[in-house]
Amino acid sequence: MTRTLVACRAGERVVVGAVQGGAARVDKLASVGILPGVELRVQQTRPVVIVEADETVLALERDLASQVVVVQATH
């Protein structure tokens, strides 16, 4: 099941499937490590989306997070 990062719940582990939007948006997310195949742990979704990737914790504006398509992590 695919959905965007803003549809996730705190505590979920998901894998980035794709990043939608223009090249600038894709580049911005890639520069902070949000790339297809990366596993994220969602810490919170409001007022901003906070995710953990490896040892890095990132806060993403909801409009930016809505462009990140994710799938459920398999483990």
PDB file of N, CA and C in Angstrom:
ATOM      1  N   MET A   1       0.848  -1.184   0.000  1.00  0.00           N
ATOM      2  CA  MET A   1       0.000   0.000   0.000  1.00  0.00           C
ATOM      3  C   MET A   1       0.889   1.242   0.000  1.00  0.00           C
ATOM      4  N   THR A   2       0.698   2.108  -0.955  1.00  0.00           N
ATOM      5  CA  THR A   2       1.463   3.346  -1.004  1.00  0.00           C
ATOM      6  C   THR A   2       0.616   4.498  -0.487  1.00  0.00           C
ATOM      7  N   ARG A   3       1.297   5.448   0.103  1.00  0.00           N
ATOM      8  CA  ARG A   3       0.654   6.665   0.610  1.00  0.00           C
ATOM      9  C   ARG A   3       1.744   7.706   0.786  1.00  0.00           C
ATOM     10  N   THR A   4       1.368   8.882   1.198  1.00  0.00           N
ATOM     11  CA  THR A   4       2.387   9.909   1.406  1.00  0.00           C
ATOM     12  C   THR A   4       2.792   9.939   2.873  1.00  0.00           C
ATOM     13  N   LEU A   5       3.879  10.582   3.131  1.00  0.00           N
ATOM     14  CA  LEU A   5       4.432  10.638   4.482  1.00  0.00           C
ATOM     15  C   LEU A   5       3.469  11.287   5.476  1.00  0.00           C
ATOM     16  N   VAL A   6       2.675  12.248   5.034  1.00  0.00           N
ATOM     17  CA  VAL A   6       1.746  12.907   5.968  1.00  0.00           C
ATOM     18  C   VAL A   6       0.617  11.984   6.413  1.00  0.00           C
ATOM     19  N   ALA A   7       0.379  10.889   5.697  1.00  0.00           N
ATOM     20  CA  ALA A   7      -0.688   9.947   6.067  1.00  0.00           C
ATOM     21  C   ALA A   7      -0.221   8.915   7.089  1.00  0.00           C
ATOM     22  N   CYS A   8       1.045   8.946   7.439  1.00  0.00           N
ATOM     23  CA  CYS A   8       1.592   7.972   8.386  1.00  0.00           C
ATOM     24  C   CYS A   8       1.262   8.361   9.823  1.00  0.00           C
ATOM     25  N   ARG A   9       1.417   7.379  10.709  1.00  0.00           N
ATOM     26  CA  ARG A   9       1.221   7.616  12.139  1.00  0.00           C
ATOM     27  C   ARG A   9       2.567   7.567  12.846  1.00  0.00           C
ATOM     28  N   ALA A  10       2.658   8.249  13.969  1.00  0.00           N
ATOM     29  CA  ALA A  10       3.880   8.224  14.775  1.00  0.00           C
ATOM     30  C   ALA A  10       4.211   6.786  15.146  1.00  0.00           C
ATOM     31  N   GLY A  11       5.482   6.437  15.051  1.00  0.00           N
ATOM     32  CA  GLY A  11       5.943   5.099  15.383  1.00  0.00           C
ATOM     33  C   GLY A  11       6.066   4.168  14.193  1.00  0.00           C
ATOM     34  N   GLU A  12       5.492   4.540  13.068  1.00  0.00           N
ATOM     35  CA  GLU A  12       5.569   3.673  11.881  1.00  0.00           C
ATOM     36  C   GLU A  12       6.956   3.703  11.267  1.00  0.00           C
ATOM     37  N   ARG A  13       7.326   2.572  10.676  1.00  0.00           N
ATOM     38  CA  ARG A  13       8.546   2.487   9.870  1.00  0.00           C
ATOM     39  C   ARG A  13       8.103   2.336   8.415  1.00  0.00           C
ATOM     40  N   VAL A  14       8.624   3.207   7.581  1.00  0.00           N
ATOM     41  CA  VAL A  14       8.248   3.203   6.164  1.00  0.00           C
ATOM     42  C   VAL A  14       9.504   3.326   5.315  1.00  0.00           C
ATOM     43  N   VAL A  15       9.362   2.988   4.037  1.00  0.00           N
ATOM     44  CA  VAL A  15      10.459   3.113   3.079  1.00  0.00           C
ATOM     45  C   VAL A  15      10.018   4.092   1.999  1.00  0.00           C
ATOM     46  N   VAL A  16      10.905   5.024   1.667  1.00  0.00           N
ATOM     47  CA  VAL A  16      10.602   5.999   0.616  1.00  0.00           C
ATOM     48  C   VAL A  16      10.534   5.263  -0.714  1.00  0.00           C
ATOM     49  N   GLY A  17       9.396   5.434  -1.411  1.00  0.00           N
ATOM     50  CA  GLY A  17       9.232   4.821  -2.714  1.00  0.00           C
ATOM     51  C   GLY A  17       9.542   5.783  -3.841  1.00  0.00           C
ATOM     52  N   ALA A  18       9.153   7.049  -3.653  1.00  0.00           N
ATOM     53  CA  ALA A  18       9.370   8.067  -4.680  1.00  0.00           C
ATOM     54  C   ALA A  18       9.187   9.440  -4.060  1.00  0.00           C
ATOM     55  N   VAL A  19       9.721  10.442  -4.748  1.00  0.00           N
ATOM     56  CA  VAL A  19       9.507  11.832  -4.363  1.00  0.00           C
ATOM     57  C   VAL A  19       8.854  12.513  -5.545  1.00  0.00           C
ATOM     58  N   GLN A  20       7.679  13.099  -5.298  1.00  0.00           N
ATOM     59  CA  GLN A  20       6.939  13.781  -6.356  1.00  0.00           C
ATOM     60  C   GLN A  20       7.326  15.250  -6.384  1.00  0.00           C
ATOM     61  N   GLY A  21       6.945  15.919  -7.470  1.00  0.00           N
ATOM     62  CA  GLY A  21       7.203  17.349  -7.560  1.00  0.00           C
ATOM     63  C   GLY A  21       8.336  17.640  -8.516  1.00  0.00           C
ATOM     64  N   GLY A  22       8.661  18.899  -8.601  1.00  0.00           N
ATOM     65  CA  GLY A  22       9.697  19.352  -9.522  1.00  0.00           C
ATOM     66  C   GLY A  22      11.095  18.995  -9.064  1.00  0.00           C
ATOM     67  N   ALA A  23      12.046  19.273  -9.913  1.00  0.00           N
ATOM     68  CA  ALA A  23      13.448  18.934  -9.641  1.00  0.00           C
ATOM     69  C   ALA A  23      13.963  19.620  -8.388  1.00  0.00           C
ATOM     70  N   ALA A  24      13.537  20.854  -8.133  1.00  0.00           N
ATOM     71  CA  ALA A  24      14.008  21.581  -6.950  1.00  0.00           C
ATOM     72  C   ALA A  24      13.555  20.881  -5.675  1.00  0.00           C
ATOM     73  N   ARG A  25      12.327  20.399  -5.670  1.00  0.00           N
ATOM     74  CA  ARG A  25      11.791  19.707  -4.494  1.00  0.00           C
ATOM     75  C   ARG A  25      12.514  18.375  -4.300  1.00  0.00           C
ATOM     76  N   VAL A  26      12.702  17.638  -5.378  1.00  0.00           N
ATOM     77  CA  VAL A  26      13.409  16.359  -5.305  1.00  0.00           C
ATOM     78  C   VAL A  26      14.836  16.589  -4.800  1.00  0.00           C
ATOM     79  N   ASP A  27      15.508  17.610  -5.319  1.00  0.00           N
ATOM     80  CA  ASP A  27      16.878  17.911  -4.898  1.00  0.00           C
ATOM     81  C   ASP A  27      16.933  18.317  -3.430  1.00  0.00           C
ATOM     82  N   LYS A  28      15.956  19.106  -2.978  1.00  0.00           N
ATOM     83  CA  LYS A  28      15.926  19.546  -1.582  1.00  0.00           C
ATOM     84  C   LYS A  28      15.807  18.341  -0.652  1.00  0.00           C
ATOM     85  N   LEU A  29      14.901  17.432  -0.973  1.00  0.00           N
ATOM     86  CA  LEU A  29      14.727  16.243  -0.140  1.00  0.00           C
ATOM     87  C   LEU A  29      15.941  15.324  -0.215  1.00  0.00           C
ATOM     88  N   ALA A  30      16.513  15.178  -1.407  1.00  0.00           N
ATOM     89  CA  ALA A  30      17.696  14.331  -1.560  1.00  0.00           C
ATOM     90  C   ALA A  30      18.864  14.883  -0.748  1.00  0.00           C
ATOM     91  N   SER A  31      18.968  16.205  -0.658  1.00  0.00           N
ATOM     92  CA  SER A  31      20.086  16.811   0.070  1.00  0.00           C
ATOM     93  C   SER A  31      20.043  16.521   1.568  1.00  0.00           C
ATOM     94  N   VAL A  32      18.866  16.171   2.084  1.00  0.00           N
ATOM     95  CA  VAL A  32      18.757  15.820   3.508  1.00  0.00           C
ATOM     96  C   VAL A  32      18.585  14.318   3.703  1.00  0.00           C
ATOM     97  N   GLY A  33      18.773  13.540   2.634  1.00  0.00           N
ATOM     98  CA  GLY A  33      18.768  12.091   2.753  1.00  0.00           C
ATOM     99  C   GLY A  33      17.447  11.403   2.492  1.00  0.00           C
ATOM    100  N   ILE A  34      16.445  12.131   2.009  1.00  0.00           N
ATOM    101  CA  ILE A  34      15.154  11.522   1.688  1.00  0.00           C
ATOM    102  C   ILE A  34      15.207  11.090   0.224  1.00  0.00           C
ATOM    103  N   LEU A  35      15.554   9.819   0.018  1.00  0.00           N
ATOM    104  CA  LEU A  35      15.723   9.244  -1.315  1.00  0.00           C
ATOM    105  C   LEU A  35      14.970   7.922  -1.390  1.00  0.00           C
ATOM    106  N   PRO A  36      14.568   7.499  -2.587  1.00  0.00           N
ATOM    107  CA  PRO A  36      13.935   6.190  -2.718  1.00  0.00           C
ATOM    108  C   PRO A  36      14.809   5.093  -2.121  1.00  0.00           C
ATOM    109  N   GLY A  37      14.163   4.205  -1.354  1.00  0.00           N
ATOM    110  CA  GLY A  37      14.867   3.096  -0.731  1.00  0.00           C
ATOM    111  C   GLY A  37      15.284   3.350   0.710  1.00  0.00           C
ATOM    112  N   VAL A  38      15.229   4.607   1.151  1.00  0.00           N
ATOM    113  CA  VAL A  38      15.639   4.949   2.517  1.00  0.00           C
ATOM    114  C   VAL A  38      14.509   4.623   3.493  1.00  0.00           C
ATOM    115  N   GLU A  39      14.861   3.960   4.593  1.00  0.00           N
ATOM    116  CA  GLU A  39      13.867   3.653   5.621  1.00  0.00           C
ATOM    117  C   GLU A  39      13.774   4.816   6.606  1.00  0.00           C
ATOM    118  N   LEU A  40      12.552   5.180   6.942  1.00  0.00           N
ATOM    119  CA  LEU A  40      12.296   6.272   7.879  1.00  0.00           C
ATOM    120  C   LEU A  40      11.453   5.764   9.040  1.00  0.00           C
ATOM    121  N   ARG A  41      11.670   6.328  10.217  1.00  0.00           N
ATOM    122  CA  ARG A  41      10.784   6.075  11.348  1.00  0.00           C
ATOM    123  C   ARG A  41      10.072   7.390  11.637  1.00  0.00           C
ATOM    124  N   VAL A  42       8.760   7.352  11.568  1.00  0.00           N
ATOM    125  CA  VAL A  42       7.955   8.561  11.781  1.00  0.00           C
ATOM    126  C   VAL A  42       7.862   8.812  13.282  1.00  0.00           C
ATOM    127  N   GLN A  43       8.252  10.008  13.719  1.00  0.00           N
ATOM    128  CA  GLN A  43       8.175  10.353  15.136  1.00  0.00           C
ATOM    129  C   GLN A  43       6.915  11.151  15.443  1.00  0.00           C
ATOM    130  N   GLN A  44       6.539  12.053  14.549  1.00  0.00           N
ATOM    131  CA  GLN A  44       5.295  12.814  14.711  1.00  0.00           C
ATOM    132  C   GLN A  44       4.868  13.355  13.364  1.00  0.00           C
ATOM    133  N   THR A  45       3.572  13.710  13.254  1.00  0.00           N
ATOM    134  CA  THR A  45       3.063  14.204  11.971  1.00  0.00           C
ATOM    135  C   THR A  45       2.435  15.588  12.065  1.00  0.00           C
ATOM    136  N   ARG A  46       2.287  16.123  13.247  1.00  0.00           N
ATOM    137  CA  ARG A  46       1.721  17.471  13.411  1.00  0.00           C
ATOM    138  C   ARG A  46       2.436  18.203  14.529  1.00  0.00           C
ATOM    139  N   PRO A  47       2.704  19.496  14.414  1.00  0.00           N
ATOM    140  CA  PRO A  47       2.351  20.389  13.311  1.00  0.00           C
ATOM    141  C   PRO A  47       3.256  20.222  12.094  1.00  0.00           C
ATOM    142  N   VAL A  48       4.433  19.623  12.297  1.00  0.00           N
ATOM    143  CA  VAL A  48       5.303  19.278  11.173  1.00  0.00           C
ATOM    144  C   VAL A  48       5.550  17.781  11.235  1.00  0.00           C
ATOM    145  N   VAL A  49       6.066  17.230  10.158  1.00  0.00           N
ATOM    146  CA  VAL A  49       6.375  15.799  10.117  1.00  0.00           C
ATOM    147  C   VAL A  49       7.831  15.629  10.541  1.00  0.00           C
ATOM    148  N   ILE A  50       8.046  14.846  11.589  1.00  0.00           N
ATOM    149  CA  ILE A  50       9.402  14.576  12.064  1.00  0.00           C
ATOM    150  C   ILE A  50       9.696  13.104  11.827  1.00  0.00           C
ATOM    151  N   VAL A  51      10.795  12.857  11.117  1.00  0.00           N
ATOM    152  CA  VAL A  51      11.202  11.490  10.797  1.00  0.00           C
ATOM    153  C   VAL A  51      12.654  11.286  11.200  1.00  0.00           C
ATOM    154  N   GLU A  52      12.992  10.022  11.428  1.00  0.00           N
ATOM    155  CA  GLU A  52      14.357   9.645  11.738  1.00  0.00           C
ATOM    156  C   GLU A  52      14.852   8.731  10.630  1.00  0.00           C
ATOM    157  N   ALA A  53      16.009   9.066  10.076  1.00  0.00           N
ATOM    158  CA  ALA A  53      16.656   8.246   9.052  1.00  0.00           C
ATOM    159  C   ALA A  53      18.057   7.950   9.564  1.00  0.00           C
ATOM    160  N   ASP A  54      18.329   6.693   9.876  1.00  0.00           N
ATOM    161  CA  ASP A  54      19.592   6.304  10.514  1.00  0.00           C
ATOM    162  C   ASP A  54      19.749   7.088  11.814  1.00  0.00           C
ATOM    163  N   GLU A  55      20.756   7.916  11.921  1.00  0.00           N
ATOM    164  CA  GLU A  55      20.999   8.693  13.146  1.00  0.00           C
ATOM    165  C   GLU A  55      20.519  10.138  13.006  1.00  0.00           C
ATOM    166  N   THR A  56      19.865  10.469  11.909  1.00  0.00           N
ATOM    167  CA  THR A  56      19.463  11.838  11.630  1.00  0.00           C
ATOM    168  C   THR A  56      17.967  12.024  11.871  1.00  0.00           C
ATOM    169  N   VAL A  57      17.610  13.091  12.574  1.00  0.00           N
ATOM    170  CA  VAL A  57      16.212  13.441  12.786  1.00  0.00           C
ATOM    171  C   VAL A  57      15.918  14.678  11.948  1.00  0.00           C
ATOM    172  N   LEU A  58      14.858  14.583  11.136  1.00  0.00           N
ATOM    173  CA  LEU A  58      14.507  15.670  10.222  1.00  0.00           C
ATOM    174  C   LEU A  58      13.090  16.157  10.478  1.00  0.00           C
ATOM    175  N   ALA A  59      12.901  17.464  10.428  1.00  0.00           N
ATOM    176  CA  ALA A  59      11.566  18.052  10.502  1.00  0.00           C
ATOM    177  C   ALA A  59      11.214  18.566   9.114  1.00  0.00           C
ATOM    178  N   LEU A  60      10.092  18.096   8.585  1.00  0.00           N
ATOM    179  CA  LEU A  60       9.655  18.480   7.244  1.00  0.00           C
ATOM    180  C   LEU A  60       8.322  19.200   7.321  1.00  0.00           C
ATOM    181  N   GLU A  61       8.199  20.287   6.596  1.00  0.00           N
ATOM    182  CA  GLU A  61       6.905  20.952   6.491  1.00  0.00           C
ATOM    183  C   GLU A  61       5.924  19.978   5.867  1.00  0.00           C
ATOM    184  N   ARG A  62       4.661  20.069   6.265  1.00  0.00           N
ATOM    185  CA  ARG A  62       3.660  19.113   5.784  1.00  0.00           C
ATOM    186  C   ARG A  62       3.514  19.141   4.262  1.00  0.00           C
ATOM    187  N   ASP A  63       3.609  20.306   3.632  1.00  0.00           N
ATOM    188  CA  ASP A  63       3.468  20.344   2.171  1.00  0.00           C
ATOM    189  C   ASP A  63       4.626  19.626   1.491  1.00  0.00           C
ATOM    190  N   LEU A  64       5.804  19.695   2.082  1.00  0.00           N
ATOM    191  CA  LEU A  64       6.953  18.985   1.533  1.00  0.00           C
ATOM    192  C   LEU A  64       6.808  17.479   1.774  1.00  0.00           C
ATOM    193  N   ALA A  65       6.390  17.112   2.978  1.00  0.00           N
ATOM    194  CA  ALA A  65       6.204  15.694   3.314  1.00  0.00           C
ATOM    195  C   ALA A  65       5.106  15.056   2.475  1.00  0.00           C
ATOM    196  N   SER A  66       4.149  15.853   2.021  1.00  0.00           N
ATOM    197  CA  SER A  66       3.060  15.309   1.202  1.00  0.00           C
ATOM    198  C   SER A  66       3.537  14.879  -0.186  1.00  0.00           C
ATOM    199  N   GLN A  67       4.746  15.223  -0.534  1.00  0.00           N
ATOM    200  CA  GLN A  67       5.316  14.834  -1.831  1.00  0.00           C
ATOM    201  C   GLN A  67       6.161  13.562  -1.742  1.00  0.00           C
ATOM    202  N   VAL A  68       6.297  13.023  -0.520  1.00  0.00           N
ATOM    203  CA  VAL A  68       7.105  11.812  -0.316  1.00  0.00           C
ATOM    204  C   VAL A  68       6.177  10.607  -0.268  1.00  0.00           C
ATOM    205  N   VAL A  69       6.276   9.750  -1.282  1.00  0.00           N
ATOM    206  CA  VAL A  69       5.463   8.541  -1.361  1.00  0.00           C
ATOM    207  C   VAL A  69       6.213   7.423  -0.648  1.00  0.00           C
ATOM    208  N   VAL A  70       5.511   6.732   0.261  1.00  0.00           N
ATOM    209  CA  VAL A  70       6.159   5.692   1.069  1.00  0.00           C
ATOM    210  C   VAL A  70       5.388   4.393   1.020  1.00  0.00           C
ATOM    211  N   VAL A  71       6.067   3.314   1.364  1.00  0.00           N
ATOM    212  CA  VAL A  71       5.454   2.001   1.532  1.00  0.00           C
ATOM    213  C   VAL A  71       5.845   1.490   2.918  1.00  0.00           C
ATOM    214  N   GLN A  72       5.067   0.576   3.446  1.00  0.00           N
ATOM    215  CA  GLN A  72       5.355   0.028   4.770  1.00  0.00           C
ATOM    216  C   GLN A  72       6.671  -0.730   4.738  1.00  0.00           C
ATOM    217  N   ALA A  73       7.490  -0.537   5.762  1.00  0.00           N
ATOM    218  CA  ALA A  73       8.748  -1.292   5.863  1.00  0.00           C
ATOM    219  C   ALA A  73       8.429  -2.757   6.111  1.00  0.00           C
ATOM    220  N   THR A  74       9.252  -3.644   5.622  1.00  0.00           N
ATOM    221  CA  THR A  74       8.970  -5.071   5.708  1.00  0.00           C
ATOM    222  C   THR A  74       9.419  -5.697   7.022  1.00  0.00           C
ATOM    223  N   HIS A  75      10.156  -4.963   7.826  1.00  0.00           N
ATOM    224  CA  HIS A  75      10.596  -5.544   9.111  1.00  0.00           C
ATOM    225  C   HIS A  75      10.274  -4.631  10.261  1.00  0.00           C
TER     226      HIS A  75
END
